[in-house]
Structure formats: C-alpha cells, structure tokens
Protein backbone atom coordinates (compact mmCIF):
# COMPACT_ATOMS: atom_id res chain seq x y z
CA UNK A 1 -23.88 68.87 50.76
CA UNK A 2 -26.12 71.75 51.78
CA UNK A 3 -29.80 71.49 50.84
CA UNK A 4 -30.87 73.33 47.70
CA UNK A 5 -34.14 74.57 49.23
CA UNK A 6 -34.81 76.09 52.64
CA UNK A 7 -38.04 76.32 54.59
CA UNK A 8 -39.29 79.64 55.90
CA UNK A 9 -38.21 78.43 59.35
CA UNK A 10 -34.67 78.09 57.96
CA UNK A 11 -34.87 81.61 56.51
CA UNK A 12 -36.01 83.04 59.86
CA UNK A 13 -33.04 81.39 61.55
CA UNK A 14 -30.48 82.58 58.99
CA UNK A 15 -31.76 86.17 58.94
CA UNK A 16 -32.76 86.25 62.63
CA UNK A 17 -36.24 87.54 61.77
CA UNK A 18 -39.76 86.50 62.72
CA UNK A 19 -41.86 84.03 60.75
CA UNK A 20 -44.21 86.89 59.81
CA UNK A 21 -41.29 88.89 58.40
CA UNK A 22 -40.06 85.92 56.34
CA UNK A 23 -43.58 85.32 55.03
CA UNK A 24 -43.88 89.00 54.08
CA UNK A 25 -40.58 88.85 52.18
CA UNK A 26 -41.70 85.94 50.02
CA UNK A 27 -45.28 87.20 49.56
CA UNK A 28 -43.99 90.58 48.35
CA UNK A 29 -41.56 88.91 45.93
CA UNK A 30 -38.60 90.62 47.59
CA UNK A 31 -37.25 87.15 48.40
CA UNK A 32 -38.04 84.80 45.49
CA UNK A 33 -39.63 81.54 46.61
CA UNK A 34 -41.82 78.72 45.35
CA UNK A 35 -44.78 76.91 46.84
CA UNK A 36 -44.76 73.12 46.68
CA UNK A 37 -46.85 70.18 47.72
CA UNK A 38 -50.54 69.84 48.46
CA UNK A 39 -50.26 72.28 51.35
CA UNK A 40 -48.38 74.83 49.19
CA UNK A 41 -45.48 75.16 51.60
CA UNK A 42 -42.97 77.89 50.80
CA UNK A 43 -39.40 76.99 49.83
CA UNK A 44 -36.53 79.38 49.18
CA UNK A 45 -33.59 78.32 47.09
CA UNK A 46 -30.38 78.74 49.10
CA UNK A 47 -28.80 80.76 46.26
CA UNK A 48 -31.79 83.13 46.23
CA UNK A 49 -31.35 83.74 49.95
CA UNK A 50 -27.66 84.51 49.40
CA UNK A 51 -28.55 86.91 46.56
CA UNK A 52 -31.11 88.60 48.81
CA UNK A 53 -28.47 89.04 51.52
CA UNK A 54 -26.03 90.50 48.95
CA UNK A 55 -28.73 92.96 47.77
CA UNK A 56 -29.37 94.04 51.35
CA UNK A 57 -25.64 94.66 51.87
CA UNK A 58 -25.52 96.74 48.67
CA UNK A 59 -28.60 98.75 49.68
CA UNK A 60 -27.14 99.36 53.13
CA UNK A 61 -23.82 100.53 51.66
CA UNK A 62 -25.62 102.88 49.27
CA UNK A 63 -27.75 104.32 52.08
CA UNK A 64 -24.67 104.87 54.27
CA UNK A 65 -22.83 106.57 51.41
CA UNK A 66 -25.85 108.78 50.68
CA UNK A 67 -26.24 109.67 54.34
CA UNK A 68 -22.51 110.44 54.64
CA UNK A 69 -22.71 112.78 51.64
CA UNK A 70 -25.60 114.67 53.20
CA UNK A 71 -24.03 115.22 56.60
CA UNK A 72 -23.80 118.85 57.63
CA UNK A 73 -21.09 120.18 59.88
CA UNK A 74 -22.58 121.08 63.23
CA UNK A 75 -20.80 123.91 65.05
CA UNK A 76 -19.53 122.97 68.50
C-alpha cells in the first residue's frame, strides 16, 4: 500500500524539482499541504499531488491550445 502522505523530499523526486521549488509550491498554497509534529514538517497527501499534476496538465493543454490559435502564418 502506498503511503497516504509524502514528504517534500518525495515531492521533489516525483516532480523532479528542487527543494526550494517544492517549498514554494506548498507555501503559496498551489500544492495543498499540512504541517505536522513539533518541528512543523510539511506533508503532502498523495492524492493532492496527483490533483496538482492533473491541474498542471490541464493548464499546459490550455496554453498550447491558446498559443496554437494565435499562430500567424509566416510567409516563406
């Protein structure tokens, strides 16, 4: 069974981003997370990470579609 919660180190590995980038995502609220324990360590629910990834795919598709609609024919 996969763990319900991931550490920020896990998030950096899954997304292939830096620790600072993962921290910025949770601090901004873009990636929902909780702080637990006496040291207030961040934890991200695995389902929240999957939802974040799905949102990023949707945003990327929308941006590509918008960019494709704005392309101008360039004479050769």
